[in-house]
Amino acid sequence: MENEEKKTPRPKNIAERVRELLFDAVIAEGCYLWDVEYVREGADWILRLLIDSNEGVTLDDCERVSRAVDPLLDEADPIEGSYSLEVTSPGVERQLVRPEHFEACIGEAVEVRLYAPLEGQNTKTLTGTLAAYADGRVTLTLPDGAPCEIPKGAWAKVSTVCDWS
């Protein structure tokens, strides 16, 4: 008999499964689920729910959502092994990952980190106003007013930026 190793599900797959499991429960608590992360930090695994609402997120919101989803996670048991549950806000400067994130942030200032500089650019970081998003392609209006289309696969990370002045 061959020795079969048990494959551990990839963190992204776990995050998607948890997102599907908890989406409605978070909405029932008056928030929406911005994102789910399942990440290793040091020796520990963290299941992080990033929640938001039109009024912003308070500590009470985080606690209420945590209490609502905890029994659902216990019952469904979607993660083998131990982990810590963390419920938090995505913050003012939030990472845009899902298509709905980009659509919600059109017109906002963003920073795009590229894998390599685009033709005609000498930097791997671009900032501007998010003008459009379609099929993974990000279109920025640069500070000089010029449009800049960034193809899918060219950008590593897109985040909103806040003018703190």
N, C-alpha and C. Protein backbone atom coordinates (compact mmCIF):
# COMPACT_ATOMS: atom_id res chain seq x y z
N MET A 1 0.84 -1.17 0.00
CA MET A 1 0.00 0.00 0.00
C MET A 1 0.90 1.25 0.00
N GLU A 2 0.60 2.18 -0.90
CA GLU A 2 1.39 3.39 -1.00
C GLU A 2 1.10 4.32 0.16
N ASN A 3 2.11 5.04 0.54
CA ASN A 3 1.96 6.01 1.61
C ASN A 3 1.42 7.30 1.01
N GLU A 4 0.16 7.61 1.27
CA GLU A 4 -0.47 8.81 0.73
C GLU A 4 -0.40 9.93 1.75
N GLU A 5 0.13 11.08 1.28
CA GLU A 5 0.16 12.24 2.15
C GLU A 5 -1.15 12.99 2.05
N LYS A 6 -1.62 13.42 3.17
CA LYS A 6 -2.84 14.22 3.19
C LYS A 6 -2.50 15.64 2.77
N LYS A 7 -3.16 16.14 1.73
CA LYS A 7 -2.88 17.49 1.26
C LYS A 7 -3.60 18.50 2.13
N THR A 8 -2.87 19.52 2.52
CA THR A 8 -3.45 20.61 3.30
C THR A 8 -4.05 21.61 2.32
N PRO A 9 -5.32 22.00 2.50
CA PRO A 9 -5.92 22.99 1.59
C PRO A 9 -5.12 24.29 1.62
N ARG A 10 -5.02 24.91 0.47
CA ARG A 10 -4.31 26.18 0.38
C ARG A 10 -5.07 27.25 1.16
N PRO A 11 -4.33 28.18 1.78
CA PRO A 11 -5.00 29.23 2.57
C PRO A 11 -6.05 30.00 1.78
N LYS A 12 -5.81 30.25 0.50
CA LYS A 12 -6.78 31.01 -0.30
C LYS A 12 -8.09 30.23 -0.43
N ASN A 13 -7.98 28.92 -0.61
CA ASN A 13 -9.19 28.09 -0.71
C ASN A 13 -9.96 28.09 0.60
N ILE A 14 -9.24 28.06 1.70
CA ILE A 14 -9.89 28.11 3.01
C ILE A 14 -10.59 29.46 3.17
N ALA A 15 -9.92 30.54 2.81
CA ALA A 15 -10.52 31.87 2.93
C ALA A 15 -11.80 31.97 2.11
N GLU A 16 -11.81 31.44 0.90
CA GLU A 16 -13.01 31.48 0.06
C GLU A 16 -14.14 30.66 0.67
N ARG A 17 -13.79 29.50 1.20
CA ARG A 17 -14.81 28.65 1.83
C ARG A 17 -15.42 29.35 3.05
N VAL A 18 -14.57 29.98 3.85
CA VAL A 18 -15.04 30.71 5.04
C VAL A 18 -15.88 31.90 4.61
N ARG A 19 -15.47 32.59 3.56
CA ARG A 19 -16.23 33.73 3.05
C ARG A 19 -17.66 33.31 2.70
N GLU A 20 -17.78 32.22 1.97
CA GLU A 20 -19.11 31.72 1.59
C GLU A 20 -19.92 31.33 2.82
N LEU A 21 -19.26 30.72 3.78
CA LEU A 21 -19.94 30.27 5.00
C LEU A 21 -20.47 31.42 5.84
N LEU A 22 -19.71 32.51 5.92
CA LEU A 22 -20.02 33.57 6.88
C LEU A 22 -20.64 34.83 6.28
N PHE A 23 -20.68 34.92 4.97
CA PHE A 23 -21.14 36.14 4.29
C PHE A 23 -22.48 36.63 4.82
N ASP A 24 -23.49 35.77 4.83
CA ASP A 24 -24.83 36.17 5.26
C ASP A 24 -24.88 36.51 6.75
N ALA A 25 -24.11 35.80 7.56
CA ALA A 25 -24.11 36.07 9.01
C ALA A 25 -23.54 37.45 9.31
N VAL A 26 -22.54 37.87 8.56
CA VAL A 26 -21.96 39.19 8.77
C VAL A 26 -22.97 40.27 8.36
N ILE A 27 -23.65 40.04 7.25
CA ILE A 27 -24.69 40.99 6.80
C ILE A 27 -25.80 41.09 7.84
N ALA A 28 -26.17 39.96 8.43
CA ALA A 28 -27.23 39.96 9.44
C ALA A 28 -26.84 40.80 10.66
N GLU A 29 -25.55 41.01 10.85
CA GLU A 29 -25.06 41.82 11.98
C GLU A 29 -24.88 43.29 11.59
N GLY A 30 -25.35 43.66 10.39
CA GLY A 30 -25.31 45.06 9.98
C GLY A 30 -24.01 45.50 9.34
N CYS A 31 -23.18 44.54 8.96
CA CYS A 31 -21.90 44.86 8.32
C CYS A 31 -21.83 44.10 7.00
N TYR A 32 -20.76 44.31 6.28
CA TYR A 32 -20.51 43.46 5.13
C TYR A 32 -19.08 42.95 5.20
N LEU A 33 -18.88 41.81 4.57
CA LEU A 33 -17.60 41.14 4.63
C LEU A 33 -16.71 41.66 3.51
N TRP A 34 -15.74 42.51 3.86
CA TRP A 34 -14.84 43.08 2.87
C TRP A 34 -13.91 42.01 2.32
N ASP A 35 -13.33 41.21 3.22
CA ASP A 35 -12.42 40.15 2.78
C ASP A 35 -12.20 39.16 3.91
N VAL A 36 -11.65 38.02 3.55
CA VAL A 36 -11.26 36.99 4.52
C VAL A 36 -9.82 36.61 4.20
N GLU A 37 -9.00 36.57 5.22
CA GLU A 37 -7.61 36.16 5.06
C GLU A 37 -7.36 34.98 6.00
N TYR A 38 -6.65 34.00 5.50
CA TYR A 38 -6.18 32.91 6.34
C TYR A 38 -4.67 32.89 6.15
N VAL A 39 -3.95 33.38 7.15
CA VAL A 39 -2.52 33.61 7.00
C VAL A 39 -1.73 33.07 8.19
N ARG A 40 -0.51 32.73 7.90
CA ARG A 40 0.40 32.30 8.96
C ARG A 40 1.19 33.52 9.41
N GLU A 41 1.18 33.77 10.70
CA GLU A 41 1.96 34.86 11.28
C GLU A 41 2.81 34.24 12.38
N GLY A 42 4.09 34.15 12.10
CA GLY A 42 4.99 33.44 13.01
C GLY A 42 4.62 31.96 13.00
N ALA A 43 4.41 31.42 14.17
CA ALA A 43 4.04 30.01 14.28
C ALA A 43 2.53 29.80 14.28
N ASP A 44 1.77 30.89 14.24
CA ASP A 44 0.32 30.81 14.38
C ASP A 44 -0.42 31.04 13.07
N TRP A 45 -1.59 30.42 12.95
CA TRP A 45 -2.49 30.66 11.83
C TRP A 45 -3.59 31.61 12.30
N ILE A 46 -3.88 32.61 11.47
CA ILE A 46 -4.88 33.62 11.80
C ILE A 46 -5.97 33.58 10.73
N LEU A 47 -7.22 33.47 11.17
CA LEU A 47 -8.36 33.64 10.28
C LEU A 47 -8.87 35.05 10.55
N ARG A 48 -8.67 35.93 9.57
CA ARG A 48 -8.99 37.34 9.75
C ARG A 48 -10.20 37.70 8.88
N LEU A 49 -11.24 38.18 9.53
CA LEU A 49 -12.42 38.68 8.82
C LEU A 49 -12.32 40.20 8.81
N LEU A 50 -12.32 40.78 7.63
CA LEU A 50 -12.28 42.23 7.49
C LEU A 50 -13.70 42.67 7.17
N ILE A 51 -14.29 43.42 8.10
CA ILE A 51 -15.68 43.82 7.95
C ILE A 51 -15.76 45.33 7.78
N ASP A 52 -16.84 45.77 7.18
CA ASP A 52 -17.05 47.20 7.01
C ASP A 52 -18.54 47.48 7.06
N SER A 53 -18.89 48.75 7.16
CA SER A 53 -20.28 49.19 7.07
C SER A 53 -20.27 50.63 6.59
N ASN A 54 -21.42 51.10 6.17
CA ASN A 54 -21.52 52.47 5.68
C ASN A 54 -21.20 53.50 6.76
N GLU A 55 -21.39 53.13 8.02
CA GLU A 55 -21.12 54.03 9.14
C GLU A 55 -19.72 53.84 9.71
N GLY A 56 -18.93 52.95 9.14
CA GLY A 56 -17.63 52.61 9.69
C GLY A 56 -17.76 51.46 10.67
N VAL A 57 -16.65 50.97 11.15
CA VAL A 57 -16.64 49.80 12.03
C VAL A 57 -16.13 50.20 13.41
N THR A 58 -16.86 49.77 14.42
CA THR A 58 -16.46 50.01 15.80
C THR A 58 -15.98 48.71 16.44
N LEU A 59 -15.39 48.83 17.59
CA LEU A 59 -14.99 47.65 18.35
C LEU A 59 -16.21 46.79 18.68
N ASP A 60 -17.33 47.44 18.98
CA ASP A 60 -18.58 46.70 19.27
C ASP A 60 -19.02 45.89 18.05
N ASP A 61 -18.88 46.45 16.84
CA ASP A 61 -19.22 45.72 15.62
C ASP A 61 -18.36 44.47 15.49
N CYS A 62 -17.07 44.63 15.72
CA CYS A 62 -16.15 43.50 15.61
C CYS A 62 -16.51 42.40 16.62
N GLU A 63 -16.81 42.81 17.83
CA GLU A 63 -17.17 41.84 18.87
C GLU A 63 -18.49 41.14 18.52
N ARG A 64 -19.48 41.90 18.04
CA ARG A 64 -20.78 41.33 17.69
C ARG A 64 -20.63 40.32 16.54
N VAL A 65 -19.87 40.68 15.53
CA VAL A 65 -19.67 39.76 14.39
C VAL A 65 -18.90 38.53 14.85
N SER A 66 -17.90 38.71 15.68
CA SER A 66 -17.12 37.58 16.18
C SER A 66 -18.02 36.59 16.92
N ARG A 67 -18.89 37.11 17.78
CA ARG A 67 -19.81 36.24 18.54
C ARG A 67 -20.81 35.54 17.61
N ALA A 68 -21.20 36.20 16.53
CA ALA A 68 -22.17 35.60 15.59
C ALA A 68 -21.55 34.51 14.73
N VAL A 69 -20.30 34.69 14.33
CA VAL A 69 -19.69 33.72 13.41
C VAL A 69 -19.00 32.57 14.12
N ASP A 70 -18.61 32.76 15.37
CA ASP A 70 -17.89 31.72 16.10
C ASP A 70 -18.63 30.38 16.11
N PRO A 71 -19.94 30.35 16.44
CA PRO A 71 -20.62 29.06 16.43
C PRO A 71 -20.74 28.45 15.02
N LEU A 72 -20.82 29.30 14.01
CA LEU A 72 -20.89 28.79 12.63
C LEU A 72 -19.57 28.12 12.24
N LEU A 73 -18.48 28.73 12.65
CA LEU A 73 -17.17 28.13 12.37
C LEU A 73 -16.99 26.83 13.15
N ASP A 74 -17.45 26.81 14.41
CA ASP A 74 -17.34 25.59 15.21
C ASP A 74 -18.14 24.46 14.57
N GLU A 75 -19.34 24.78 14.09
CA GLU A 75 -20.20 23.74 13.51
C GLU A 75 -19.67 23.24 12.17
N ALA A 76 -19.28 24.15 11.29
CA ALA A 76 -18.82 23.76 9.95
C ALA A 76 -17.39 23.19 9.98
N ASP A 77 -16.60 23.64 10.94
CA ASP A 77 -15.21 23.20 11.12
C ASP A 77 -14.44 23.19 9.79
N PRO A 78 -14.34 24.36 9.11
CA PRO A 78 -13.72 24.40 7.79
C PRO A 78 -12.18 24.39 7.80
N ILE A 79 -11.60 24.44 9.00
CA ILE A 79 -10.14 24.53 9.09
C ILE A 79 -9.62 23.45 10.02
N GLU A 80 -8.70 22.64 9.49
CA GLU A 80 -8.05 21.64 10.34
C GLU A 80 -7.00 22.34 11.18
N GLY A 81 -6.86 21.91 12.39
CA GLY A 81 -5.83 22.49 13.25
C GLY A 81 -6.33 23.74 13.95
N SER A 82 -5.43 24.33 14.72
CA SER A 82 -5.83 25.49 15.51
C SER A 82 -5.52 26.78 14.77
N TYR A 83 -6.29 27.79 15.08
CA TYR A 83 -6.12 29.13 14.50
C TYR A 83 -6.76 30.12 15.44
N SER A 84 -6.43 31.37 15.26
CA SER A 84 -7.06 32.44 16.02
C SER A 84 -7.99 33.20 15.10
N LEU A 85 -9.18 33.52 15.57
CA LEU A 85 -10.14 34.32 14.82
C LEU A 85 -9.92 35.78 15.17
N GLU A 86 -9.80 36.60 14.15
CA GLU A 86 -9.63 38.03 14.33
C GLU A 86 -10.66 38.72 13.44
N VAL A 87 -11.46 39.61 14.01
CA VAL A 87 -12.44 40.39 13.26
C VAL A 87 -12.02 41.84 13.36
N THR A 88 -11.84 42.48 12.21
CA THR A 88 -11.30 43.82 12.19
C THR A 88 -11.82 44.61 10.99
N SER A 89 -11.53 45.88 10.98
CA SER A 89 -11.85 46.75 9.86
C SER A 89 -10.74 46.63 8.82
N PRO A 90 -11.04 46.81 7.54
CA PRO A 90 -9.98 46.82 6.54
C PRO A 90 -9.13 48.09 6.61
N GLY A 91 -9.57 49.08 7.38
CA GLY A 91 -8.82 50.31 7.54
C GLY A 91 -9.14 51.32 6.44
N VAL A 92 -8.65 52.52 6.64
CA VAL A 92 -8.87 53.59 5.67
C VAL A 92 -8.07 53.30 4.40
N GLU A 93 -6.83 52.87 4.57
CA GLU A 93 -5.99 52.51 3.44
C GLU A 93 -6.08 51.00 3.29
N ARG A 94 -7.04 50.59 2.48
CA ARG A 94 -7.37 49.18 2.37
C ARG A 94 -6.91 48.61 1.04
N GLN A 95 -6.59 47.34 1.08
CA GLN A 95 -6.17 46.65 -0.13
C GLN A 95 -7.42 46.28 -0.94
N LEU A 96 -7.33 46.50 -2.24
CA LEU A 96 -8.41 46.15 -3.16
C LEU A 96 -8.05 44.81 -3.79
N VAL A 97 -8.93 43.83 -3.60
CA VAL A 97 -8.64 42.48 -4.06
C VAL A 97 -9.72 41.98 -5.01
N ARG A 98 -10.95 42.12 -4.61
CA ARG A 98 -12.08 41.57 -5.35
C ARG A 98 -12.64 42.63 -6.31
N PRO A 99 -13.27 42.21 -7.39
CA PRO A 99 -13.85 43.18 -8.33
C PRO A 99 -14.76 44.20 -7.65
N GLU A 100 -15.54 43.76 -6.67
CA GLU A 100 -16.44 44.70 -5.99
C GLU A 100 -15.68 45.75 -5.18
N HIS A 101 -14.46 45.43 -4.74
CA HIS A 101 -13.63 46.42 -4.05
C HIS A 101 -13.25 47.55 -5.01
N PHE A 102 -12.80 47.16 -6.20
CA PHE A 102 -12.41 48.16 -7.20
C PHE A 102 -13.61 49.02 -7.60
N GLU A 103 -14.74 48.38 -7.84
CA GLU A 103 -15.94 49.11 -8.25
C GLU A 103 -16.38 50.10 -7.17
N ALA A 104 -16.27 49.70 -5.91
CA ALA A 104 -16.67 50.58 -4.81
C ALA A 104 -15.73 51.76 -4.63
N CYS A 105 -14.51 51.63 -5.13
CA CYS A 105 -13.49 52.67 -4.89
C CYS A 105 -13.17 53.51 -6.12
N ILE A 106 -13.97 53.38 -7.17
CA ILE A 106 -13.74 54.22 -8.35
C ILE A 106 -13.90 55.68 -7.92
N GLY A 107 -12.95 56.50 -8.34
CA GLY A 107 -12.93 57.91 -7.96
C GLY A 107 -12.06 58.20 -6.75
N GLU A 108 -11.54 57.17 -6.11
CA GLU A 108 -10.69 57.35 -4.94
C GLU A 108 -9.22 57.29 -5.31
N ALA A 109 -8.39 57.89 -4.48
CA ALA A 109 -6.95 57.83 -4.67
C ALA A 109 -6.45 56.43 -4.33
N VAL A 110 -5.59 55.89 -5.19
CA VAL A 110 -5.03 54.56 -4.98
C VAL A 110 -3.54 54.54 -5.28
N GLU A 111 -2.89 53.56 -4.71
CA GLU A 111 -1.50 53.28 -5.02
C GLU A 111 -1.45 51.90 -5.65
N VAL A 112 -0.76 51.79 -6.78
CA VAL A 112 -0.63 50.52 -7.48
C VAL A 112 0.84 50.12 -7.45
N ARG A 113 1.11 48.97 -6.88
CA ARG A 113 2.47 48.43 -6.88
C ARG A 113 2.57 47.43 -8.02
N LEU A 114 3.55 47.65 -8.86
CA LEU A 114 3.74 46.85 -10.06
C LEU A 114 4.85 45.82 -9.85
N TYR A 115 4.80 44.73 -10.63
CA TYR A 115 5.89 43.76 -10.60
C TYR A 115 7.13 44.35 -11.28
N ALA A 116 6.90 45.14 -12.31
CA ALA A 116 7.99 45.79 -13.05
C ALA A 116 7.44 47.10 -13.60
N PRO A 117 8.30 48.09 -13.82
CA PRO A 117 7.80 49.36 -14.38
C PRO A 117 7.11 49.15 -15.73
N LEU A 118 6.06 49.90 -15.95
CA LEU A 118 5.37 49.86 -17.24
C LEU A 118 6.18 50.65 -18.26
N GLU A 119 5.93 50.37 -19.52
CA GLU A 119 6.60 51.12 -20.57
C GLU A 119 6.30 52.61 -20.40
N GLY A 120 7.34 53.41 -20.43
CA GLY A 120 7.18 54.85 -20.27
C GLY A 120 7.21 55.30 -18.82
N GLN A 121 7.28 54.37 -17.88
CA GLN A 121 7.35 54.71 -16.45
C GLN A 121 8.70 54.29 -15.91
N ASN A 122 9.19 54.96 -14.91
CA ASN A 122 10.47 54.58 -14.31
C ASN A 122 10.32 54.15 -12.86
N THR A 123 9.12 53.74 -12.50
CA THR A 123 8.85 53.35 -11.12
C THR A 123 7.95 52.12 -11.09
N LYS A 124 8.04 51.39 -9.98
CA LYS A 124 7.15 50.24 -9.78
C LYS A 124 5.97 50.58 -8.90
N THR A 125 5.82 51.86 -8.54
CA THR A 125 4.70 52.31 -7.75
C THR A 125 4.06 53.51 -8.43
N LEU A 126 2.77 53.40 -8.71
CA LEU A 126 2.02 54.50 -9.32
C LEU A 126 0.91 54.92 -8.38
N THR A 127 0.67 56.20 -8.28
CA THR A 127 -0.47 56.70 -7.52
C THR A 127 -1.31 57.56 -8.45
N GLY A 128 -2.60 57.53 -8.20
CA GLY A 128 -3.53 58.32 -9.00
C GLY A 128 -4.93 58.05 -8.53
N THR A 129 -5.88 58.45 -9.35
CA THR A 129 -7.29 58.23 -9.04
C THR A 129 -7.76 57.01 -9.83
N LEU A 130 -8.42 56.09 -9.13
CA LEU A 130 -8.95 54.91 -9.80
C LEU A 130 -10.09 55.36 -10.71
N ALA A 131 -9.88 55.25 -12.00
CA ALA A 131 -10.87 55.70 -12.99
C ALA A 131 -11.77 54.57 -13.45
N ALA A 132 -11.22 53.35 -13.55
CA ALA A 132 -12.02 52.22 -14.04
C ALA A 132 -11.34 50.91 -13.65
N TYR A 133 -12.16 49.87 -13.67
CA TYR A 133 -11.68 48.52 -13.45
C TYR A 133 -12.54 47.59 -14.26
N ALA A 134 -11.91 46.77 -15.09
CA ALA A 134 -12.67 45.79 -15.89
C ALA A 134 -11.76 44.62 -16.21
N ASP A 135 -12.24 43.43 -15.95
CA ASP A 135 -11.52 42.20 -16.28
C ASP A 135 -10.09 42.19 -15.76
N GLY A 136 -9.88 42.73 -14.55
CA GLY A 136 -8.56 42.74 -13.96
C GLY A 136 -7.67 43.88 -14.40
N ARG A 137 -8.13 44.68 -15.34
CA ARG A 137 -7.36 45.83 -15.82
C ARG A 137 -7.75 47.06 -15.00
N VAL A 138 -6.72 47.73 -14.46
CA VAL A 138 -6.91 48.91 -13.65
C VAL A 138 -6.58 50.14 -14.50
N THR A 139 -7.47 51.13 -14.48
CA THR A 139 -7.18 52.38 -15.18
C THR A 139 -7.09 53.48 -14.14
N LEU A 140 -5.95 54.17 -14.15
CA LEU A 140 -5.71 55.29 -13.25
C LEU A 140 -5.72 56.59 -14.03
N THR A 141 -6.11 57.64 -13.35
CA THR A 141 -5.83 58.99 -13.83
C THR A 141 -4.66 59.46 -12.99
N LEU A 142 -3.53 59.66 -13.65
CA LEU A 142 -2.31 60.06 -12.95
C LEU A 142 -2.41 61.51 -12.52
N PRO A 143 -1.56 61.95 -11.59
CA PRO A 143 -1.62 63.34 -11.11
C PRO A 143 -1.54 64.40 -12.22
N ASP A 144 -0.87 64.08 -13.34
CA ASP A 144 -0.78 65.04 -14.45
C ASP A 144 -2.01 65.00 -15.34
N GLY A 145 -3.01 64.16 -14.98
CA GLY A 145 -4.25 64.06 -15.75
C GLY A 145 -4.23 62.99 -16.82
N ALA A 146 -3.08 62.38 -17.06
CA ALA A 146 -2.98 61.35 -18.10
C ALA A 146 -3.58 60.04 -17.60
N PRO A 147 -4.29 59.33 -18.49
CA PRO A 147 -4.78 58.00 -18.13
C PRO A 147 -3.65 56.98 -18.21
N CYS A 148 -3.73 55.96 -17.38
CA CYS A 148 -2.73 54.89 -17.38
C CYS A 148 -3.48 53.58 -17.16
N GLU A 149 -3.46 52.72 -18.17
CA GLU A 149 -4.13 51.43 -18.04
C GLU A 149 -3.09 50.38 -17.66
N ILE A 150 -3.40 49.64 -16.63
CA ILE A 150 -2.47 48.64 -16.11
C ILE A 150 -3.10 47.26 -16.31
N PRO A 151 -2.48 46.46 -17.15
CA PRO A 151 -3.08 45.15 -17.46
C PRO A 151 -3.03 44.18 -16.29
N LYS A 152 -3.96 43.25 -16.34
CA LYS A 152 -3.99 42.18 -15.34
C LYS A 152 -2.65 41.45 -15.37
N GLY A 153 -2.15 41.14 -14.22
CA GLY A 153 -0.88 40.45 -14.13
C GLY A 153 0.32 41.38 -14.00
N ALA A 154 0.12 42.68 -14.29
CA ALA A 154 1.23 43.63 -14.17
C ALA A 154 1.30 44.23 -12.78
N TRP A 155 0.16 44.24 -12.07
CA TRP A 155 0.15 44.83 -10.74
C TRP A 155 0.15 43.75 -9.66
N ALA A 156 0.89 44.04 -8.60
CA ALA A 156 1.00 43.12 -7.48
C ALA A 156 0.00 43.45 -6.38
N LYS A 157 -0.24 44.76 -6.19
CA LYS A 157 -1.10 45.18 -5.09
C LYS A 157 -1.69 46.54 -5.41
N VAL A 158 -2.97 46.71 -5.09
CA VAL A 158 -3.64 48.00 -5.23
C VAL A 158 -4.28 48.32 -3.89
N SER A 159 -4.01 49.52 -3.39
CA SER A 159 -4.56 49.95 -2.10
C SER A 159 -5.05 51.39 -2.21
N THR A 160 -6.09 51.69 -1.44
CA THR A 160 -6.52 53.08 -1.35
C THR A 160 -5.47 53.83 -0.53
N VAL A 161 -5.38 55.12 -0.79
CA VAL A 161 -4.47 55.96 -0.01
C VAL A 161 -5.25 57.14 0.52
N CYS A 162 -4.88 57.57 1.69
CA CYS A 162 -5.56 58.68 2.33
C CYS A 162 -4.62 59.88 2.39
N ASP A 163 -5.14 61.03 2.08
CA ASP A 163 -4.38 62.27 2.22
C ASP A 163 -4.52 62.69 3.67
N TRP A 164 -3.48 62.51 4.46
CA TRP A 164 -3.52 62.77 5.90
C TRP A 164 -3.27 64.23 6.23
N SER A 165 -3.08 65.08 5.21
CA SER A 165 -2.80 66.48 5.51
C SER A 165 -4.07 67.27 5.84
